[in-house]
Amino acid sequence: MALDIEERIRQINARLKAGKVGVSVQQRGDRLCLRGTLPPRPNSTKDKPFRQEIYLGVYCNPAGFTYAENEAKLVGSLLAKREFSKGAIPTHEKIPTAIVYSSIAEPMGQVCGA
């Protein structure tokens, strides 16, 4: 099962890299996050962009993979336009519950080998 999750993340990141998005999807436990070079927060002591993570709070399931890839594209486009701000990205508290539970639309067997 873990190999299937790793393979799915590899595929997503390959598409993001091919599209020159500049943001990748990472697994943290059973959840997904984004990783990229982002501008410092307003209250940060750093003055230049540095590698940071955005915790999405979605599970490693088909709906979570779709959501994470779409959010990576959104963050990448905001970074490219120099319009990125931390408030533009929803945190897990703002994600509709339907996103987490909508994995019924894509059978788990295709991703997890169940």
N, C-alpha and C. Protein backbone atom coordinates (compact mmCIF):
# COMPACT_ATOMS: atom_id res chain seq x y z
N MET A 1 0.82 -1.19 0.00
CA MET A 1 0.00 0.00 0.00
C MET A 1 0.87 1.26 0.00
N ALA A 2 1.89 1.30 0.84
CA ALA A 2 2.76 2.47 0.91
C ALA A 2 3.45 2.72 -0.42
N LEU A 3 3.82 1.66 -1.11
CA LEU A 3 4.46 1.83 -2.42
C LEU A 3 3.51 2.50 -3.40
N ASP A 4 2.23 2.13 -3.35
CA ASP A 4 1.27 2.74 -4.25
C ASP A 4 1.12 4.24 -3.95
N ILE A 5 1.12 4.60 -2.69
CA ILE A 5 1.04 6.01 -2.31
C ILE A 5 2.28 6.74 -2.79
N GLU A 6 3.45 6.14 -2.56
CA GLU A 6 4.69 6.76 -3.00
C GLU A 6 4.72 6.92 -4.52
N GLU A 7 4.23 5.91 -5.23
CA GLU A 7 4.19 5.97 -6.69
C GLU A 7 3.24 7.06 -7.16
N ARG A 8 2.10 7.16 -6.52
CA ARG A 8 1.13 8.21 -6.90
C ARG A 8 1.74 9.61 -6.68
N ILE A 9 2.43 9.80 -5.56
CA ILE A 9 3.07 11.09 -5.29
C ILE A 9 4.18 11.35 -6.31
N ARG A 10 4.92 10.30 -6.68
CA ARG A 10 5.97 10.45 -7.71
C ARG A 10 5.36 10.90 -9.04
N GLN A 11 4.22 10.30 -9.40
CA GLN A 11 3.55 10.66 -10.66
C GLN A 11 3.08 12.12 -10.62
N ILE A 12 2.49 12.52 -9.51
CA ILE A 12 2.02 13.90 -9.36
C ILE A 12 3.19 14.86 -9.49
N ASN A 13 4.27 14.56 -8.77
CA ASN A 13 5.44 15.45 -8.80
C ASN A 13 6.09 15.49 -10.18
N ALA A 14 6.04 14.39 -10.92
CA ALA A 14 6.57 14.39 -12.29
C ALA A 14 5.76 15.33 -13.17
N ARG A 15 4.43 15.30 -13.01
CA ARG A 15 3.58 16.21 -13.79
C ARG A 15 3.84 17.67 -13.39
N LEU A 16 3.99 17.91 -12.09
CA LEU A 16 4.25 19.27 -11.62
C LEU A 16 5.60 19.77 -12.13
N LYS A 17 6.60 18.88 -12.13
CA LYS A 17 7.93 19.27 -12.62
C LYS A 17 7.89 19.54 -14.12
N ALA A 18 7.19 18.69 -14.87
CA ALA A 18 7.08 18.88 -16.31
C ALA A 18 6.38 20.21 -16.63
N GLY A 19 5.45 20.60 -15.78
CA GLY A 19 4.75 21.86 -15.96
C GLY A 19 5.49 23.05 -15.37
N LYS A 20 6.67 22.79 -14.82
CA LYS A 20 7.51 23.84 -14.21
C LYS A 20 6.73 24.64 -13.16
N VAL A 21 6.01 23.91 -12.31
CA VAL A 21 5.17 24.53 -11.29
C VAL A 21 6.01 25.09 -10.14
N GLY A 22 7.09 24.42 -9.77
CA GLY A 22 7.96 24.91 -8.70
C GLY A 22 7.51 24.54 -7.31
N VAL A 23 6.49 23.70 -7.21
CA VAL A 23 5.98 23.23 -5.92
C VAL A 23 5.80 21.73 -6.04
N SER A 24 6.09 21.00 -4.97
CA SER A 24 5.92 19.55 -4.99
C SER A 24 4.96 19.11 -3.89
N VAL A 25 4.45 17.89 -4.04
CA VAL A 25 3.57 17.29 -3.04
C VAL A 25 4.41 16.33 -2.21
N GLN A 26 4.26 16.39 -0.91
CA GLN A 26 5.00 15.53 0.02
C GLN A 26 4.02 14.83 0.96
N GLN A 27 4.42 13.67 1.44
CA GLN A 27 3.63 12.95 2.43
C GLN A 27 4.21 13.19 3.81
N ARG A 28 3.35 13.51 4.77
CA ARG A 28 3.73 13.66 6.18
C ARG A 28 2.78 12.79 6.98
N GLY A 29 3.26 11.62 7.36
CA GLY A 29 2.38 10.67 8.04
C GLY A 29 1.32 10.18 7.07
N ASP A 30 0.05 10.34 7.44
CA ASP A 30 -1.03 9.94 6.54
C ASP A 30 -1.67 11.14 5.85
N ARG A 31 -0.98 12.27 5.87
CA ARG A 31 -1.49 13.51 5.28
C ARG A 31 -0.56 14.02 4.18
N LEU A 32 -1.06 14.98 3.42
CA LEU A 32 -0.28 15.55 2.33
C LEU A 32 0.02 17.03 2.59
N CYS A 33 1.16 17.46 2.09
CA CYS A 33 1.53 18.87 2.19
C CYS A 33 2.23 19.27 0.90
N LEU A 34 2.39 20.57 0.72
CA LEU A 34 3.12 21.12 -0.42
C LEU A 34 4.46 21.61 0.06
N ARG A 35 5.45 21.56 -0.82
CA ARG A 35 6.78 22.06 -0.48
C ARG A 35 7.30 22.88 -1.65
N GLY A 36 7.81 24.04 -1.32
CA GLY A 36 8.35 24.91 -2.35
C GLY A 36 9.10 26.07 -1.74
N THR A 37 9.75 26.84 -2.59
CA THR A 37 10.44 28.05 -2.14
C THR A 37 9.42 29.17 -2.11
N LEU A 38 9.10 29.60 -0.90
CA LEU A 38 8.03 30.58 -0.70
C LEU A 38 8.58 31.84 -0.06
N PRO A 39 7.89 32.96 -0.28
CA PRO A 39 8.32 34.20 0.37
C PRO A 39 8.20 34.08 1.89
N PRO A 40 9.01 34.80 2.63
CA PRO A 40 8.91 34.73 4.09
C PRO A 40 7.60 35.33 4.59
N ARG A 41 7.15 34.85 5.73
CA ARG A 41 5.95 35.41 6.35
C ARG A 41 6.23 36.85 6.76
N PRO A 42 5.18 37.66 6.90
CA PRO A 42 5.39 39.07 7.27
C PRO A 42 6.16 39.25 8.59
N ASN A 43 5.96 38.39 9.56
CA ASN A 43 6.64 38.54 10.85
C ASN A 43 7.96 37.76 10.93
N SER A 44 8.44 37.25 9.80
CA SER A 44 9.66 36.46 9.78
C SER A 44 10.91 37.35 9.83
N THR A 45 11.98 36.79 10.37
CA THR A 45 13.26 37.50 10.38
C THR A 45 13.99 37.34 9.06
N LYS A 46 13.53 36.40 8.23
CA LYS A 46 14.17 36.19 6.92
C LYS A 46 13.64 37.21 5.93
N ASP A 47 14.50 37.59 5.00
CA ASP A 47 14.08 38.58 4.02
C ASP A 47 14.05 38.04 2.59
N LYS A 48 14.47 36.78 2.40
CA LYS A 48 14.47 36.17 1.08
C LYS A 48 13.62 34.91 1.12
N PRO A 49 13.06 34.50 -0.03
CA PRO A 49 12.29 33.26 -0.09
C PRO A 49 13.14 32.06 0.33
N PHE A 50 12.51 31.07 0.96
CA PHE A 50 13.20 29.86 1.39
C PHE A 50 12.23 28.69 1.34
N ARG A 51 12.79 27.45 1.38
CA ARG A 51 11.98 26.24 1.30
C ARG A 51 11.06 26.14 2.50
N GLN A 52 9.77 25.99 2.23
CA GLN A 52 8.77 25.88 3.28
C GLN A 52 7.73 24.85 2.89
N GLU A 53 6.95 24.42 3.86
CA GLU A 53 5.86 23.49 3.61
C GLU A 53 4.53 24.16 3.93
N ILE A 54 3.53 23.78 3.16
CA ILE A 54 2.16 24.20 3.43
C ILE A 54 1.39 22.92 3.75
N TYR A 55 0.95 22.78 4.98
CA TYR A 55 0.21 21.60 5.39
C TYR A 55 -1.23 21.72 4.94
N LEU A 56 -1.66 20.78 4.11
CA LEU A 56 -3.00 20.81 3.57
C LEU A 56 -4.01 20.13 4.49
N GLY A 57 -3.56 19.16 5.26
CA GLY A 57 -4.46 18.47 6.17
C GLY A 57 -5.34 17.43 5.51
N VAL A 58 -5.09 17.10 4.24
CA VAL A 58 -5.89 16.08 3.57
C VAL A 58 -5.16 14.75 3.63
N TYR A 59 -5.94 13.68 3.61
CA TYR A 59 -5.38 12.34 3.71
C TYR A 59 -4.78 11.89 2.38
N CYS A 60 -3.94 10.88 2.46
CA CYS A 60 -3.35 10.24 1.27
C CYS A 60 -4.38 9.30 0.67
N ASN A 61 -5.38 9.85 0.04
CA ASN A 61 -6.39 9.06 -0.66
C ASN A 61 -6.63 9.72 -2.02
N PRO A 62 -7.41 9.12 -2.89
CA PRO A 62 -7.58 9.69 -4.23
C PRO A 62 -8.04 11.15 -4.23
N ALA A 63 -8.99 11.48 -3.37
CA ALA A 63 -9.46 12.87 -3.30
C ALA A 63 -8.35 13.79 -2.79
N GLY A 64 -7.59 13.33 -1.83
CA GLY A 64 -6.49 14.12 -1.29
C GLY A 64 -5.41 14.37 -2.33
N PHE A 65 -5.09 13.34 -3.14
CA PHE A 65 -4.09 13.51 -4.20
C PHE A 65 -4.54 14.55 -5.22
N THR A 66 -5.80 14.47 -5.62
CA THR A 66 -6.34 15.44 -6.58
C THR A 66 -6.30 16.85 -6.01
N TYR A 67 -6.73 16.98 -4.76
CA TYR A 67 -6.74 18.28 -4.11
C TYR A 67 -5.32 18.85 -4.01
N ALA A 68 -4.37 18.01 -3.57
CA ALA A 68 -2.99 18.47 -3.40
C ALA A 68 -2.38 18.91 -4.72
N GLU A 69 -2.62 18.16 -5.78
CA GLU A 69 -2.07 18.53 -7.09
C GLU A 69 -2.65 19.86 -7.56
N ASN A 70 -3.95 20.04 -7.39
CA ASN A 70 -4.59 21.29 -7.79
C ASN A 70 -4.07 22.47 -6.97
N GLU A 71 -3.88 22.27 -5.66
CA GLU A 71 -3.35 23.33 -4.81
C GLU A 71 -1.91 23.67 -5.18
N ALA A 72 -1.13 22.65 -5.56
CA ALA A 72 0.25 22.89 -5.99
C ALA A 72 0.27 23.77 -7.24
N LYS A 73 -0.63 23.49 -8.17
CA LYS A 73 -0.72 24.30 -9.39
C LYS A 73 -1.13 25.73 -9.05
N LEU A 74 -2.07 25.88 -8.12
CA LEU A 74 -2.51 27.21 -7.70
C LEU A 74 -1.36 27.99 -7.07
N VAL A 75 -0.65 27.35 -6.14
CA VAL A 75 0.48 28.02 -5.48
C VAL A 75 1.55 28.38 -6.50
N GLY A 76 1.84 27.45 -7.41
CA GLY A 76 2.83 27.72 -8.45
C GLY A 76 2.46 28.90 -9.32
N SER A 77 1.18 28.99 -9.68
CA SER A 77 0.77 30.12 -10.53
C SER A 77 0.83 31.44 -9.75
N LEU A 78 0.46 31.41 -8.47
CA LEU A 78 0.55 32.63 -7.65
C LEU A 78 2.00 33.06 -7.47
N LEU A 79 2.90 32.09 -7.29
CA LEU A 79 4.32 32.42 -7.16
C LEU A 79 4.86 33.02 -8.46
N ALA A 80 4.46 32.45 -9.59
CA ALA A 80 4.93 32.94 -10.88
C ALA A 80 4.47 34.37 -11.14
N LYS A 81 3.27 34.69 -10.67
CA LYS A 81 2.73 36.05 -10.85
C LYS A 81 3.14 36.99 -9.72
N ARG A 82 3.91 36.46 -8.77
CA ARG A 82 4.34 37.22 -7.59
C ARG A 82 3.16 37.76 -6.80
N GLU A 83 2.10 36.93 -6.73
CA GLU A 83 0.89 37.30 -6.00
C GLU A 83 0.64 36.38 -4.81
N PHE A 84 1.62 35.58 -4.47
CA PHE A 84 1.43 34.60 -3.39
C PHE A 84 1.37 35.29 -2.04
N SER A 85 0.41 34.86 -1.23
CA SER A 85 0.35 35.24 0.18
C SER A 85 -0.17 34.04 0.95
N LYS A 86 0.29 33.86 2.17
CA LYS A 86 -0.12 32.70 2.96
C LYS A 86 -1.63 32.63 3.13
N GLY A 87 -2.31 33.76 3.15
CA GLY A 87 -3.76 33.76 3.32
C GLY A 87 -4.51 33.25 2.10
N ALA A 88 -3.84 33.15 0.96
CA ALA A 88 -4.50 32.71 -0.26
C ALA A 88 -4.70 31.20 -0.29
N ILE A 89 -4.00 30.48 0.56
CA ILE A 89 -4.08 29.03 0.57
C ILE A 89 -4.95 28.56 1.72
N PRO A 90 -5.97 27.73 1.41
CA PRO A 90 -6.81 27.25 2.50
C PRO A 90 -6.05 26.32 3.43
N THR A 91 -6.29 26.45 4.71
CA THR A 91 -5.74 25.50 5.67
C THR A 91 -6.73 24.37 5.82
N HIS A 92 -6.36 23.30 6.51
CA HIS A 92 -7.24 22.15 6.61
C HIS A 92 -8.56 22.49 7.28
N GLU A 93 -8.64 23.55 8.08
CA GLU A 93 -9.90 23.93 8.71
C GLU A 93 -10.89 24.46 7.68
N LYS A 94 -10.38 24.98 6.56
CA LYS A 94 -11.25 25.58 5.55
C LYS A 94 -11.66 24.60 4.46
N ILE A 95 -11.09 23.40 4.44
CA ILE A 95 -11.37 22.44 3.39
C ILE A 95 -12.72 21.80 3.67
N PRO A 96 -13.63 21.79 2.69
CA PRO A 96 -14.93 21.15 2.91
C PRO A 96 -14.75 19.67 3.22
N THR A 97 -15.57 19.17 4.13
CA THR A 97 -15.50 17.76 4.52
C THR A 97 -15.68 16.86 3.31
N ALA A 98 -16.44 17.30 2.33
CA ALA A 98 -16.68 16.48 1.14
C ALA A 98 -15.39 16.14 0.42
N ILE A 99 -14.39 17.00 0.47
CA ILE A 99 -13.11 16.72 -0.19
C ILE A 99 -12.48 15.47 0.40
N VAL A 100 -12.49 15.36 1.72
CA VAL A 100 -11.84 14.25 2.38
C VAL A 100 -12.59 12.95 2.14
N TYR A 101 -13.91 13.02 2.11
CA TYR A 101 -14.71 11.81 2.00
C TYR A 101 -15.19 11.50 0.59
N SER A 102 -14.79 12.27 -0.40
CA SER A 102 -15.29 12.05 -1.75
C SER A 102 -14.50 10.99 -2.51
N SER A 103 -13.68 10.22 -1.82
CA SER A 103 -12.88 9.21 -2.50
C SER A 103 -13.73 8.09 -3.08
N ILE A 104 -15.02 8.09 -2.80
CA ILE A 104 -15.91 7.09 -3.38
C ILE A 104 -15.92 7.24 -4.90
N ALA A 105 -15.71 8.46 -5.39
CA ALA A 105 -15.73 8.71 -6.82
C ALA A 105 -14.64 7.94 -7.56
N GLU A 106 -13.54 7.65 -6.92
CA GLU A 106 -12.44 6.90 -7.53
C GLU A 106 -12.17 5.70 -6.65
N PRO A 107 -12.35 4.49 -7.18
CA PRO A 107 -12.15 3.30 -6.33
C PRO A 107 -10.75 3.26 -5.72
N MET A 108 -10.70 2.94 -4.45
CA MET A 108 -9.43 2.88 -3.73
C MET A 108 -8.48 1.86 -4.34
N GLY A 109 -8.99 0.83 -4.93
CA GLY A 109 -8.14 -0.20 -5.50
C GLY A 109 -7.19 0.32 -6.56
N GLN A 110 -7.57 1.39 -7.25
CA GLN A 110 -6.71 1.94 -8.29
C GLN A 110 -5.47 2.59 -7.71
N VAL A 111 -5.56 3.07 -6.47
CA VAL A 111 -4.43 3.77 -5.86
C VAL A 111 -3.71 2.89 -4.85
N CYS A 112 -4.47 2.24 -4.00
CA CYS A 112 -3.87 1.51 -2.88
C CYS A 112 -3.74 0.02 -3.13
N GLY A 113 -4.20 -0.47 -4.25
CA GLY A 113 -4.07 -1.89 -4.54
C GLY A 113 -4.99 -2.76 -3.71
N ALA A 114 -6.07 -2.19 -3.19
CA ALA A 114 -7.01 -2.94 -2.35
C ALA A 114 -7.87 -3.84 -3.19
